[in-house]
Amino acid sequence: MAEQYKLKRWLIFTEDSVTSTQKWVRERVSALSDRTAILAGVQTAGRGRSGRTWKSPAGGFYASFLLKPSPPIVLAPCVSLLAAVVLARLLKQRSIPASVKWPNDVIVEGKKVAGIIAESGSFPESWFILGIGINLTESPSIPERKFLPAGSWLEFGEAPAAGELLEKFLGEFDFCWRNREDNPMDGIMEELNSILWRKGEQITLSRGGDTFPGVVRQIDGDGSLVLLTDGGERRFVSGELLTVPEERG
């Protein structure tokens, strides 16, 4: 049975094990209030972006955060990027240099330490769920993953307890985004682009079966990625950075 406690403006539920924190919130979305979060010790069917599985052994950080009503849909990518910047800050506080891989991963020394997923809907009322998974103490083995292997916080420095990290994350997140009508990117654009993964380097973006090689320029205020391609600058609101040509083998 879930336990609960208050953390400033948030109501936090904790569970030893859930199928996924996203599913836990979705199943209760009509009954839960704005600023509700679930923190789980284990996920038995954790989910990442694009329907992928997020392996979630004990000792990690697995949480989902409910916002009601949902922020404007145009701001949804910006919420995820704000969360990524906050996580990078918390790593930096422990002398671990992290970068943000568009659209919503946190990378340390070429390894994926954290992933973020966002979902929204309008039934039975407007809602937005932000999910975060962080490998705190273990690096799950993912044989099918050929690019950017998983890494853990503990590989690079002392890892915080999940409850401690939750408190620090929410403190920074709320401080940076005080008014839901404002763009979450306000005030973090310079910081975000200073830690942007592969900035100034050649990458390949995959979207809808097509690939677009280009040089990473920046992230704009709407959360879109700007690439310098052979045809000039292009902005992408969706896609995934999957391949770095020089790393093919």
Protein backbone atom coordinates (compact mmCIF):
# COMPACT_ATOMS: atom_id res chain seq x y z
CA MET A 1 0.00 0.00 0.00
CA ALA A 2 1.24 3.45 -0.88
CA GLU A 3 2.46 5.72 1.86
CA GLN A 4 2.23 9.46 1.50
CA TYR A 5 3.70 12.67 2.86
CA LYS A 6 3.75 16.38 2.07
CA LEU A 7 6.80 18.04 0.56
CA LYS A 8 6.14 21.78 0.43
CA ARG A 9 3.46 22.19 -2.25
CA TRP A 10 3.64 18.56 -3.36
CA LEU A 11 1.87 15.43 -2.16
CA ILE A 12 4.27 12.50 -2.45
CA PHE A 13 3.21 8.86 -2.61
CA THR A 14 5.79 6.10 -2.19
CA GLU A 15 5.52 2.48 -3.29
CA ASP A 16 8.04 -0.35 -2.97
CA SER A 17 7.12 -1.66 -6.41
CA VAL A 18 4.85 -0.59 -9.29
CA THR A 19 4.52 -1.64 -12.91
CA SER A 20 5.46 1.90 -13.92
CA THR A 21 5.11 5.25 -12.20
CA GLN A 22 3.53 6.71 -15.34
CA LYS A 23 0.86 4.01 -15.32
CA TRP A 24 0.31 4.48 -11.56
CA VAL A 25 -0.54 8.13 -12.09
CA ARG A 26 -2.58 7.55 -15.26
CA GLU A 27 -4.82 5.05 -13.47
CA ARG A 28 -5.55 7.61 -10.72
CA VAL A 29 -5.40 10.84 -12.68
CA SER A 30 -9.01 11.84 -11.99
CA ALA A 31 -8.62 11.34 -8.24
CA LEU A 32 -5.22 12.97 -7.80
CA SER A 33 -4.66 16.68 -7.37
CA ASP A 34 -2.20 19.03 -9.01
CA ARG A 35 1.38 18.62 -7.77
CA THR A 36 1.12 14.94 -6.87
CA ALA A 37 4.12 12.64 -7.31
CA ILE A 38 4.83 8.93 -6.98
CA LEU A 39 8.28 7.62 -6.05
CA ALA A 40 8.82 3.88 -6.48
CA GLY A 41 11.61 1.60 -5.33
CA VAL A 42 11.25 -0.71 -8.35
CA GLN A 43 9.36 -0.68 -11.64
CA THR A 44 8.46 -4.05 -13.08
CA ALA A 45 7.50 -2.61 -16.48
CA GLY A 46 9.10 0.81 -16.61
CA ARG A 47 8.61 2.76 -19.82
CA GLY A 48 10.88 5.08 -21.75
CA ARG A 49 10.23 7.13 -24.86
CA SER A 50 8.72 5.57 -27.99
CA GLY A 51 7.42 2.55 -26.07
CA ARG A 52 10.84 1.34 -24.99
CA THR A 53 11.40 -0.52 -21.74
CA TRP A 54 13.22 1.28 -18.93
CA LYS A 55 14.93 -1.31 -16.75
CA SER A 56 14.29 -0.34 -13.16
CA PRO A 57 16.13 -2.42 -10.55
CA ALA A 58 16.17 -1.56 -6.87
CA GLY A 59 18.41 1.34 -5.97
CA GLY A 60 17.29 3.70 -8.73
CA PHE A 61 15.11 6.79 -8.87
CA TYR A 62 11.73 6.22 -10.51
CA ALA A 63 9.16 8.99 -10.21
CA SER A 64 6.26 10.63 -12.02
CA PHE A 65 4.86 14.10 -11.40
CA LEU A 66 1.28 15.18 -12.11
CA LEU A 67 0.37 18.71 -13.18
CA LYS A 68 -3.30 19.70 -13.47
CA PRO A 69 -4.28 21.39 -15.63
CA SER A 70 -1.68 20.63 -18.26
CA PRO A 71 0.56 23.50 -19.29
CA PRO A 72 -0.09 24.75 -22.84
CA ILE A 73 0.81 22.02 -25.30
CA VAL A 74 3.46 24.22 -26.93
CA LEU A 75 5.34 24.26 -23.63
CA ALA A 76 5.38 20.48 -23.12
CA PRO A 77 8.87 19.92 -24.62
CA CYS A 78 10.17 22.79 -22.50
CA VAL A 79 9.01 21.13 -19.27
CA SER A 80 11.08 18.05 -20.07
CA LEU A 81 14.12 20.16 -20.91
CA LEU A 82 13.78 22.10 -17.66
CA ALA A 83 13.74 18.80 -15.76
CA ALA A 84 16.88 17.70 -17.60
CA VAL A 85 18.68 20.95 -16.74
CA VAL A 86 17.71 20.60 -13.07
CA LEU A 87 19.11 17.05 -13.00
CA ALA A 88 22.32 18.26 -14.65
CA ARG A 89 22.60 20.95 -11.96
CA LEU A 90 22.21 18.40 -9.19
CA LEU A 91 24.93 16.24 -10.73
CA LYS A 92 27.19 19.27 -11.06
CA GLN A 93 26.68 20.03 -7.36
CA ARG A 94 28.44 16.72 -6.74
CA SER A 95 31.23 17.59 -9.17
CA ILE A 96 29.83 15.40 -11.94
CA PRO A 97 29.73 17.21 -15.31
CA ALA A 98 26.54 16.28 -17.15
CA SER A 99 25.12 17.25 -20.52
CA VAL A 100 21.57 17.37 -21.84
CA LYS A 101 20.87 15.28 -24.93
CA TRP A 102 17.89 16.64 -26.83
CA PRO A 103 15.05 16.07 -26.34
CA ASN A 104 15.27 14.80 -22.75
CA ASP A 105 18.20 12.62 -21.67
CA VAL A 106 21.01 13.36 -19.23
CA ILE A 107 24.44 12.12 -20.28
CA VAL A 108 27.66 11.77 -18.28
CA GLU A 109 30.88 10.84 -20.09
CA GLY A 110 29.05 9.24 -22.98
CA LYS A 111 26.66 7.24 -20.82
CA LYS A 112 22.92 7.74 -20.33
CA VAL A 113 22.27 8.26 -16.64
CA ALA A 114 18.73 9.64 -16.73
CA GLY A 115 15.75 9.68 -19.06
CA ILE A 116 12.58 11.74 -19.06
CA ILE A 117 9.16 11.04 -20.54
CA ALA A 118 6.15 13.34 -20.76
CA GLU A 119 2.51 12.55 -21.45
CA SER A 120 -0.60 14.71 -21.49
CA GLY A 121 -4.32 14.34 -22.02
CA SER A 122 -7.67 16.06 -21.71
CA PHE A 123 -9.91 13.30 -20.30
CA PRO A 124 -11.51 13.33 -17.82
CA GLU A 125 -9.78 16.69 -17.39
CA SER A 126 -6.59 18.35 -18.54
CA TRP A 127 -3.45 16.65 -17.16
CA PHE A 128 0.29 16.36 -17.72
CA ILE A 129 2.60 13.66 -16.33
CA LEU A 130 6.36 14.01 -16.25
CA GLY A 131 8.24 10.77 -15.64
CA ILE A 132 11.90 10.54 -14.63
CA GLY A 133 14.13 7.49 -14.38
CA ILE A 134 17.67 7.77 -13.01
CA ASN A 135 20.23 5.01 -12.64
CA LEU A 136 21.56 5.89 -9.20
CA THR A 137 23.56 2.82 -8.22
CA GLU A 138 23.37 0.36 -11.12
CA SER A 139 23.91 0.48 -14.87
CA PRO A 140 21.33 -1.89 -16.36
CA SER A 141 22.62 -4.17 -19.10
CA ILE A 142 20.77 -3.42 -22.34
CA PRO A 143 22.25 -5.69 -25.05
CA GLU A 144 20.10 -4.22 -27.81
CA ARG A 145 21.29 -0.70 -27.04
CA LYS A 146 24.18 0.01 -29.41
CA PHE A 147 24.51 3.72 -28.82
CA LEU A 148 25.12 5.59 -25.57
CA PRO A 149 25.25 2.72 -23.05
CA ALA A 150 23.57 3.07 -19.69
CA GLY A 151 25.57 4.55 -16.85
CA SER A 152 24.89 5.17 -13.19
CA TRP A 153 25.35 8.19 -10.94
CA LEU A 154 27.51 6.04 -8.63
CA GLU A 155 30.05 5.46 -11.41
CA PHE A 156 30.99 9.11 -11.30
CA GLY A 157 30.50 10.09 -7.68
CA GLU A 158 28.50 9.58 -4.52
CA ALA A 159 24.85 8.94 -5.33
CA PRO A 160 22.09 10.51 -3.23
CA ALA A 161 19.20 8.55 -1.73
CA ALA A 162 16.08 8.68 -3.89
CA GLY A 163 14.07 10.64 -1.29
CA GLU A 164 16.82 13.23 -0.90
CA LEU A 165 17.10 13.63 -4.66
CA LEU A 166 13.33 14.04 -4.97
CA GLU A 167 13.33 16.90 -2.47
CA LYS A 168 16.21 18.70 -4.19
CA PHE A 169 14.74 18.16 -7.64
CA LEU A 170 11.34 19.60 -6.73
CA GLY A 171 12.92 22.55 -4.95
CA GLU A 172 14.90 23.51 -8.05
CA PHE A 173 12.08 22.69 -10.47
CA ASP A 174 9.53 24.87 -8.65
CA PHE A 175 12.04 27.68 -8.17
CA CYS A 176 12.80 27.78 -11.90
CA TRP A 177 9.16 27.57 -13.01
CA ARG A 178 7.07 29.58 -10.59
CA ASN A 179 4.27 30.53 -12.96
CA ARG A 180 2.75 27.80 -15.11
CA GLU A 181 1.77 30.34 -17.74
CA ASP A 182 5.42 31.20 -18.30
CA ASN A 183 7.74 29.28 -20.59
CA PRO A 184 9.80 26.84 -18.47
CA MET A 185 12.78 27.74 -20.66
CA ASP A 186 12.80 31.33 -19.42
CA GLY A 187 15.95 31.81 -17.40
CA ILE A 188 17.65 28.53 -18.38
CA MET A 189 18.34 29.01 -22.11
CA GLU A 190 21.98 30.00 -21.71
CA GLU A 191 22.63 27.25 -19.19
CA LEU A 192 20.90 24.63 -21.34
CA ASN A 193 22.84 25.50 -24.45
CA SER A 194 26.11 25.56 -22.53
CA ILE A 195 25.63 21.89 -21.58
CA LEU A 196 23.94 20.76 -24.80
CA TRP A 197 25.19 17.34 -25.84
CA ARG A 198 27.28 17.38 -29.06
CA LYS A 199 26.89 21.15 -29.52
CA GLY A 200 28.96 22.21 -32.52
CA GLU A 201 29.43 18.61 -33.61
CA GLN A 202 28.09 16.50 -36.45
CA ILE A 203 25.22 14.18 -35.56
CA THR A 204 22.37 12.37 -37.30
CA LEU A 205 18.76 12.98 -36.32
CA SER A 206 16.20 10.25 -36.94
CA ARG A 207 12.53 11.13 -37.41
CA GLY A 208 9.73 9.09 -38.89
CA GLY A 209 12.06 6.77 -40.79
CA ASP A 210 14.10 9.63 -42.25
CA THR A 211 17.55 10.74 -41.17
CA PHE A 212 18.98 14.24 -41.15
CA PRO A 213 22.73 14.76 -40.73
CA GLY A 214 23.81 18.09 -39.41
CA VAL A 215 25.75 20.09 -36.83
CA VAL A 216 24.05 20.78 -33.50
CA ARG A 217 23.63 24.55 -33.16
CA GLN A 218 21.33 25.14 -30.20
CA ILE A 219 17.93 24.59 -28.62
CA ASP A 220 15.45 27.40 -29.18
CA GLY A 221 12.99 28.82 -26.67
CA ASP A 222 10.21 26.52 -27.85
CA GLY A 223 12.34 23.44 -27.15
CA SER A 224 13.14 22.77 -30.80
CA LEU A 225 16.58 21.62 -31.89
CA VAL A 226 18.43 23.70 -34.46
CA LEU A 227 20.69 21.78 -36.85
CA LEU A 228 22.95 23.23 -39.49
CA THR A 229 22.41 20.94 -42.47
CA ASP A 230 23.70 21.05 -46.04
CA GLY A 231 20.52 22.95 -46.89
CA GLY A 232 20.92 25.50 -44.10
CA GLU A 233 19.50 25.73 -40.62
CA ARG A 234 16.58 23.42 -39.80
CA ARG A 235 14.48 23.26 -36.66
CA PHE A 236 13.09 20.00 -35.33
CA VAL A 237 10.35 19.69 -32.74
CA SER A 238 10.58 15.90 -32.60
CA GLY A 239 13.05 13.18 -33.40
CA GLU A 240 15.91 11.34 -31.81
CA LEU A 241 19.67 11.68 -31.95
CA LEU A 242 20.65 8.09 -32.57
CA THR A 243 23.84 8.00 -34.56
CA VAL A 244 27.10 9.84 -34.68
CA PRO A 245 28.56 8.98 -38.09
CA GLU A 246 32.16 8.64 -36.89
CA GLU A 247 31.06 6.05 -34.31
CA ARG A 248 29.51 3.68 -36.82
CA GLY A 249 31.16 0.32 -37.03
